[in-house]
Amino acid sequence: MKALTFKRYGKSPDVGLSTLDRPTIQPDEILVQIHAAGLNPVDNIVVGGSFKAVLHFQFPAVLGSDLAGVVVEVGSRVTRFRPGDAVFASVFDLGRGSLAEFVAVPESAAALKPSNLDFVQAAAVPMVGLTSWQTLKDRMDLRPGQKVFIPAGSGGIGTFAIQLARLLGAKVGTTVSTGNVELVRGLGADDIIDYKTQDFEHTLRGYDAVLGTVRGDGVEKSLNILKPGGRIVSLVGPVDPAFARSKQLNPLLTWVFGLMSRKIRKLSKKKGVDYAFHFVRPDGHQLAEIRALLEGGRIRPVIDRVFPFDQAKEALDYLALGRAKGKVVVQLSAQP
């Protein structure tokens, strides 16, 4: 089968299309023929090696995490799916990738594709949907009437998280460039900061929670807008010791992550707020709940561009520019 692979970490990862053996499945897995694969910023970060102590690949490794496709084979212990089912899933942190013609997916990571979405639309959902669900609902326990700050509202995470936060009854603040104000307003954002002309940390106040999505000093600046007792859940780091312990990493790495996050944890404690790093996990049951929201028209995927499979590397390069309004998707086959 054809797959987009990288052969090493670092500045020369040798990313390109390769021919690999078709995956074999375990008893609790399904083999999916992929019709579309959604891209995420972490796909480019993985290649650089930032998470090589946490994510374990065998080279050449297949890139990508999000997928939508059709089940072509099921393992002997699989009960929820059968050949011919249209499914969507994330395989992030499972040592495999989705930018390929086929992928083996644990039954527990997959859900039936939303009936009202095509494969391209469905492939845009898994990681941003699961990340939003796990941070806003599970980690923040966001309640009606609370205020949550979701920076970079026009990006892949932002466009989904704003919609979910509004469904949870929260008021949403975000940052965008001038040209994207109407996009995020249409998704439900309340306080919209044009980052080219305003500083959010000097404008917003009284927030209950922050979803950290922007690298740099944005997480530290967001401390200024939180109420005492508020919380920050960061997707971009710094990584904290609690994450290291949850991944059962060795004591040295736990100490290193503690050192990396010492400043933000100290500042958070001084402000009376809680800081945590979040690493999304595949979860088919949560995807099934997200599917219901999509089928009910309560959330919609936002897609910036669709690239053909032979331009998958160019799609990753485009995503790295940071200009996408919503998701970038690679289409592997024509819509059936």
Protein backbone atom coordinates (compact mmCIF):
# COMPACT_ATOMS: atom_id res chain seq x y z
CA MET A 1 0.00 0.00 0.00
CA LYS A 2 1.01 3.64 -0.43
CA ALA A 3 1.68 5.73 2.66
CA LEU A 4 3.22 9.08 3.58
CA THR A 5 6.15 8.23 5.83
CA PHE A 6 9.11 9.77 7.60
CA LYS A 7 12.33 7.85 8.22
CA ARG A 8 13.91 9.72 11.12
CA TYR A 9 13.34 12.60 13.53
CA GLY A 10 14.90 16.02 13.12
CA LYS A 11 15.58 18.51 10.36
CA SER A 12 15.95 15.86 7.62
CA PRO A 13 13.12 13.40 8.29
CA ASP A 14 12.87 12.28 4.64
CA VAL A 15 9.11 12.69 4.34
CA GLY A 16 7.62 11.15 1.20
CA LEU A 17 5.33 8.55 -0.29
CA SER A 18 6.46 4.97 0.31
CA THR A 19 5.19 1.49 -0.47
CA LEU A 20 4.55 -0.58 2.67
CA ASP A 21 2.95 -3.91 3.43
CA ARG A 22 -0.77 -3.82 4.13
CA PRO A 23 -1.28 -3.96 7.92
CA THR A 24 -2.34 -7.16 9.63
CA ILE A 25 -4.90 -6.82 12.40
CA GLN A 26 -5.05 -8.11 15.96
CA PRO A 27 -8.19 -9.83 17.31
CA ASP A 28 -9.49 -6.54 18.77
CA GLU A 29 -8.77 -4.42 15.67
CA ILE A 30 -10.48 -3.47 12.42
CA LEU A 31 -8.76 -2.89 9.08
CA VAL A 32 -9.95 0.35 7.52
CA GLN A 33 -9.52 1.41 3.91
CA ILE A 34 -8.96 5.13 4.31
CA HIS A 35 -10.90 7.57 2.14
CA ALA A 36 -9.72 10.77 3.85
CA ALA A 37 -7.24 11.79 6.55
CA GLY A 38 -7.43 14.98 8.58
CA LEU A 39 -4.21 16.82 9.41
CA ASN A 40 -3.28 18.41 12.74
CA PRO A 41 -0.35 20.66 13.76
CA VAL A 42 1.02 17.85 15.91
CA ASP A 43 1.72 15.86 12.72
CA ASN A 44 4.49 18.31 11.87
CA ILE A 45 5.68 18.47 15.48
CA VAL A 46 6.04 14.68 15.66
CA VAL A 47 8.45 14.69 12.71
CA GLY A 48 10.69 17.17 14.50
CA GLY A 49 11.12 14.76 17.40
CA SER A 50 9.59 16.84 20.19
CA PHE A 51 7.52 13.87 21.40
CA LYS A 52 9.90 11.02 20.60
CA ALA A 53 10.20 10.16 24.30
CA VAL A 54 6.43 9.70 24.45
CA LEU A 55 5.25 8.59 20.99
CA HIS A 56 6.83 5.36 19.82
CA PHE A 57 7.17 4.64 16.09
CA GLN A 58 9.03 2.07 14.04
CA PHE A 59 10.67 3.61 10.98
CA PRO A 60 9.63 4.22 8.31
CA ALA A 61 6.66 5.60 10.27
CA VAL A 62 3.34 6.61 8.74
CA LEU A 63 2.26 10.19 9.40
CA GLY A 64 -1.21 11.38 10.37
CA SER A 65 -3.75 10.56 13.06
CA ASP A 66 -7.31 11.29 11.88
CA LEU A 67 -9.16 9.13 9.38
CA ALA A 68 -12.48 8.27 7.83
CA GLY A 69 -13.00 5.18 5.74
CA VAL A 70 -14.62 1.78 5.31
CA VAL A 71 -14.03 -1.39 7.33
CA VAL A 72 -12.69 -4.18 5.12
CA GLU A 73 -11.77 -6.74 7.80
CA VAL A 74 -12.54 -7.31 11.48
CA GLY A 75 -10.65 -9.20 14.17
CA SER A 76 -12.07 -12.26 15.90
CA ARG A 77 -13.01 -10.35 19.07
CA VAL A 78 -14.60 -7.33 17.35
CA THR A 79 -18.33 -6.97 18.06
CA ARG A 80 -19.22 -3.36 17.19
CA PHE A 81 -18.23 -3.28 13.51
CA ARG A 82 -18.45 -5.39 10.39
CA PRO A 83 -17.01 -5.13 6.86
CA GLY A 84 -18.66 -2.35 4.90
CA ASP A 85 -19.21 -0.05 7.86
CA ALA A 86 -18.18 3.58 7.33
CA VAL A 87 -16.15 4.72 10.36
CA PHE A 88 -14.02 7.58 11.65
CA ALA A 89 -11.26 7.50 14.25
CA SER A 90 -8.04 8.93 15.65
CA VAL A 91 -4.98 6.68 15.92
CA PHE A 92 -2.85 9.29 17.68
CA ASP A 93 -0.43 7.82 20.23
CA LEU A 94 -1.00 4.28 18.92
CA GLY A 95 2.26 3.92 16.99
CA ARG A 96 0.62 4.05 13.56
CA GLY A 97 -0.55 6.68 11.08
CA SER A 98 -3.53 7.56 8.92
CA LEU A 99 -1.90 8.95 5.76
CA ALA A 100 -2.02 5.55 4.13
CA GLU A 101 -4.37 3.45 2.04
CA PHE A 102 -5.09 1.14 4.99
CA VAL A 103 -4.66 1.26 8.77
CA ALA A 104 -5.37 -1.15 11.62
CA VAL A 105 -7.57 0.58 14.19
CA PRO A 106 -8.42 -0.74 17.69
CA GLU A 107 -12.15 -1.30 17.95
CA SER A 108 -12.17 0.93 21.04
CA ALA A 109 -10.83 3.91 19.03
CA ALA A 110 -13.41 3.92 16.23
CA ALA A 111 -17.02 5.04 15.80
CA LEU A 112 -19.52 4.89 12.96
CA LYS A 113 -19.15 7.87 10.62
CA PRO A 114 -21.80 10.57 11.02
CA SER A 115 -24.45 9.80 8.42
CA ASN A 116 -24.77 13.44 7.32
CA LEU A 117 -21.05 13.92 6.65
CA ASP A 118 -18.98 12.70 3.74
CA PHE A 119 -15.59 11.11 4.37
CA VAL A 120 -13.66 14.38 3.97
CA GLN A 121 -15.89 16.14 6.49
CA ALA A 122 -15.74 13.23 8.93
CA ALA A 123 -11.94 13.03 8.72
CA ALA A 124 -11.76 16.65 9.89
CA VAL A 125 -13.30 15.79 13.25
CA PRO A 126 -11.57 13.11 15.39
CA MET A 127 -8.60 14.86 17.03
CA VAL A 128 -10.17 18.30 17.36
CA GLY A 129 -13.42 16.76 18.52
CA LEU A 130 -11.80 14.50 21.10
CA THR A 131 -9.44 17.25 22.28
CA SER A 132 -12.33 19.67 22.78
CA TRP A 133 -14.45 17.02 24.52
CA GLN A 134 -11.69 15.84 26.86
CA THR A 135 -10.54 19.35 27.82
CA LEU A 136 -13.80 21.30 28.04
CA LYS A 137 -15.98 18.54 29.50
CA ASP A 138 -13.60 16.19 31.32
CA ARG A 139 -10.72 18.40 32.49
CA MET A 140 -12.49 21.77 32.92
CA ASP A 141 -15.99 20.50 33.74
CA LEU A 142 -17.26 23.59 31.94
CA ARG A 143 -20.68 24.69 33.18
CA PRO A 144 -23.43 26.97 31.84
CA GLY A 145 -22.66 30.63 32.51
CA GLN A 146 -18.91 30.14 32.85
CA LYS A 147 -16.41 31.90 30.60
CA VAL A 148 -13.71 30.07 28.64
CA PHE A 149 -10.91 31.58 26.57
CA ILE A 150 -10.06 29.64 23.40
CA PRO A 151 -7.31 31.51 21.50
CA ALA A 152 -6.71 31.02 17.76
CA GLY A 153 -10.42 30.58 17.25
CA SER A 154 -10.24 30.21 13.47
CA GLY A 155 -7.90 27.19 13.59
CA GLY A 156 -8.78 23.53 13.64
CA ILE A 157 -9.13 23.19 17.41
CA GLY A 158 -10.64 26.64 17.82
CA THR A 159 -13.46 26.21 15.31
CA PHE A 160 -14.63 23.01 16.99
CA ALA A 161 -13.98 23.99 20.62
CA ILE A 162 -15.91 27.25 20.30
CA GLN A 163 -18.98 25.36 19.12
CA LEU A 164 -18.75 22.74 21.87
CA ALA A 165 -18.22 25.35 24.58
CA ARG A 166 -21.34 27.19 23.44
CA LEU A 167 -23.31 23.93 23.52
CA LEU A 168 -22.14 23.49 27.12
CA GLY A 169 -23.63 26.91 27.90
CA ALA A 170 -20.36 28.78 28.31
CA LYS A 171 -19.43 32.25 27.11
CA VAL A 172 -16.43 32.14 24.76
CA GLY A 173 -13.57 34.55 24.23
CA THR A 174 -11.09 34.10 21.40
CA THR A 175 -8.37 35.74 19.33
CA VAL A 176 -8.27 35.99 15.53
CA SER A 177 -6.98 38.24 12.79
CA THR A 178 -9.30 40.87 11.36
CA GLY A 179 -10.39 38.72 8.43
CA ASN A 180 -11.63 35.89 10.64
CA VAL A 181 -13.84 37.86 13.04
CA GLU A 182 -17.08 36.97 11.25
CA LEU A 183 -16.13 33.28 11.03
CA VAL A 184 -15.74 32.87 14.79
CA ARG A 185 -18.74 35.08 15.52
CA GLY A 186 -20.79 32.72 13.37
CA LEU A 187 -19.50 29.77 15.40
CA GLY A 188 -20.68 31.39 18.64
CA ALA A 189 -17.73 33.36 20.01
CA ASP A 190 -18.74 36.25 22.30
CA ASP A 191 -15.59 38.25 23.13
CA ILE A 192 -13.51 38.48 19.96
CA ILE A 193 -10.04 39.99 20.17
CA ASP A 194 -8.25 41.06 16.99
CA TYR A 195 -4.72 40.10 18.01
CA LYS A 196 -3.23 42.49 15.47
CA THR A 197 -4.66 45.52 17.26
CA GLN A 198 -5.40 44.33 20.84
CA ASP A 199 -3.70 42.36 23.61
CA PHE A 200 -6.14 39.85 25.08
CA GLU A 201 -4.39 39.87 28.46
CA HIS A 202 -5.15 43.56 28.83
CA THR A 203 -8.72 43.34 27.54
CA LEU A 204 -10.37 40.21 28.95
CA ARG A 205 -11.16 39.61 32.63
CA GLY A 206 -13.10 37.26 34.87
CA TYR A 207 -12.59 34.02 32.94
CA ASP A 208 -13.08 30.61 34.51
CA ALA A 209 -10.95 28.57 32.14
CA VAL A 210 -8.36 28.81 29.37
CA LEU A 211 -7.63 26.29 26.64
CA GLY A 212 -3.96 26.77 25.77
CA THR A 213 -3.57 26.33 22.01
CA VAL A 214 -0.85 28.81 21.03
CA ARG A 215 2.86 28.24 21.52
CA GLY A 216 5.03 30.96 23.05
CA ASP A 217 4.10 33.05 26.06
CA GLY A 218 0.33 32.95 25.51
CA VAL A 219 -0.27 30.47 28.33
CA GLU A 220 1.53 32.67 30.85
CA LYS A 221 -0.29 35.79 29.63
CA SER A 222 -3.63 34.04 30.07
CA LEU A 223 -3.08 33.94 33.84
CA ASN A 224 -4.04 37.62 33.84
CA ILE A 225 -7.60 36.96 32.65
CA LEU A 226 -8.49 34.12 35.05
CA LYS A 227 -10.50 34.31 38.23
CA PRO A 228 -8.98 32.78 41.39
CA GLY A 229 -9.88 29.10 41.25
CA GLY A 230 -9.77 29.08 37.45
CA ARG A 231 -7.90 26.56 35.39
CA ILE A 232 -5.65 26.35 32.37
CA VAL A 233 -5.53 23.19 30.27
CA SER A 234 -2.69 23.49 27.78
CA LEU A 235 -2.29 21.50 24.57
CA VAL A 236 1.06 23.07 23.72
CA GLY A 237 2.98 22.69 26.97
CA PRO A 238 4.98 22.97 28.97
CA VAL A 239 4.50 19.32 29.85
CA ASP A 240 3.97 18.72 33.58
CA PRO A 241 4.95 15.86 35.94
CA ALA A 242 1.34 14.66 36.18
CA PHE A 243 1.41 13.87 32.47
CA ALA A 244 4.72 12.02 32.84
CA ARG A 245 3.27 9.92 35.63
CA SER A 246 0.12 9.18 33.63
CA LYS A 247 2.31 7.87 30.79
CA GLN A 248 4.47 5.91 33.27
CA LEU A 249 7.61 7.63 32.03
CA ASN A 250 10.91 7.09 33.79
CA PRO A 251 11.89 9.24 36.81
CA LEU A 252 14.43 11.25 34.80
CA LEU A 253 11.83 12.34 32.23
CA THR A 254 9.37 13.11 35.02
CA TRP A 255 12.00 15.35 36.61
CA VAL A 256 12.79 17.03 33.27
CA PHE A 257 9.11 17.74 32.60
CA GLY A 258 8.79 19.09 36.12
CA LEU A 259 11.68 21.45 35.46
CA MET A 260 10.18 22.56 32.13
CA SER A 261 6.82 23.38 33.71
CA ARG A 262 8.13 24.76 37.00
CA LYS A 263 7.64 28.41 36.03
CA ILE A 264 4.04 28.13 34.84
CA ARG A 265 3.06 25.93 37.80
CA LYS A 266 4.63 28.39 40.23
CA LEU A 267 2.91 31.38 38.58
CA SER A 268 -0.40 29.52 38.52
CA LYS A 269 -0.18 28.68 42.20
CA LYS A 270 0.59 32.32 43.00
CA LYS A 271 -2.53 33.39 41.06
CA GLY A 272 -4.65 30.71 42.70
CA VAL A 273 -5.37 28.83 39.48
CA ASP A 274 -4.74 25.27 38.31
CA TYR A 275 -2.44 24.33 35.42
CA ALA A 276 -2.47 21.02 33.52
CA PHE A 277 -1.09 19.70 30.24
CA HIS A 278 -3.38 17.54 28.12
CA PHE A 279 -2.48 14.87 25.56
CA VAL A 280 -5.49 13.74 23.56
CA ARG A 281 -6.35 10.03 23.71
CA PRO A 282 -8.30 7.98 21.14
CA ASP A 283 -11.80 7.11 22.36
CA GLY A 284 -14.47 5.59 20.15
CA HIS A 285 -17.24 6.02 22.71
CA GLN A 286 -16.59 9.77 22.94
CA LEU A 287 -16.53 9.94 19.14
CA ALA A 288 -19.95 8.29 19.09
CA GLU A 289 -21.27 11.06 21.36
CA ILE A 290 -19.66 13.67 19.12
CA ARG A 291 -21.25 11.93 16.11
CA ALA A 292 -24.69 12.54 17.64
CA LEU A 293 -23.95 16.28 17.87
CA LEU A 294 -22.80 16.33 14.26
CA GLU A 295 -25.82 14.40 13.00
CA GLY A 296 -28.08 16.75 14.93
CA GLY A 297 -26.50 19.75 13.21
CA ARG A 298 -25.41 21.19 16.56
CA ILE A 299 -21.73 21.26 15.52
CA ARG A 300 -20.30 21.45 12.03
CA PRO A 301 -16.77 20.78 10.81
CA VAL A 302 -14.93 23.73 9.29
CA ILE A 303 -12.60 22.81 6.42
CA ASP A 304 -10.05 25.14 4.86
CA ARG A 305 -8.55 23.06 2.04
CA VAL A 306 -8.61 19.52 0.67
CA PHE A 307 -5.49 18.07 -0.96
CA PRO A 308 -5.17 14.89 -3.06
CA PHE A 309 -3.08 12.07 -1.61
CA ASP A 310 -0.15 12.68 -3.95
CA GLN A 311 0.10 16.19 -2.46
CA ALA A 312 -0.01 15.09 1.18
CA LYS A 313 3.46 16.47 1.91
CA GLU A 314 2.42 19.82 0.44
CA ALA A 315 -0.68 19.69 2.65
CA LEU A 316 1.51 19.37 5.74
CA ASP A 317 3.68 22.25 4.53
CA TYR A 318 0.56 24.38 4.05
CA LEU A 319 -0.71 23.51 7.52
CA ALA A 320 2.65 24.53 9.00
CA LEU A 321 2.11 28.08 7.72
CA GLY A 322 -0.56 28.53 10.40
CA ARG A 323 -3.05 30.25 8.11
CA ALA A 324 -5.72 27.57 7.79
CA LYS A 325 -9.31 28.53 8.66
CA GLY A 326 -10.43 25.25 10.17
CA LYS A 327 -9.03 21.90 9.08
CA VAL A 328 -6.79 20.70 6.26
CA VAL A 329 -7.78 17.28 4.88
CA VAL A 330 -6.09 14.83 2.50
CA GLN A 331 -8.46 12.87 0.26
CA LEU A 332 -7.22 9.41 -0.67
CA SER A 333 -10.07 8.26 -2.88
CA ALA A 334 -13.10 9.66 -4.65
CA GLN A 335 -16.23 9.96 -2.52
CA PRO A 336 -18.30 6.78 -2.98
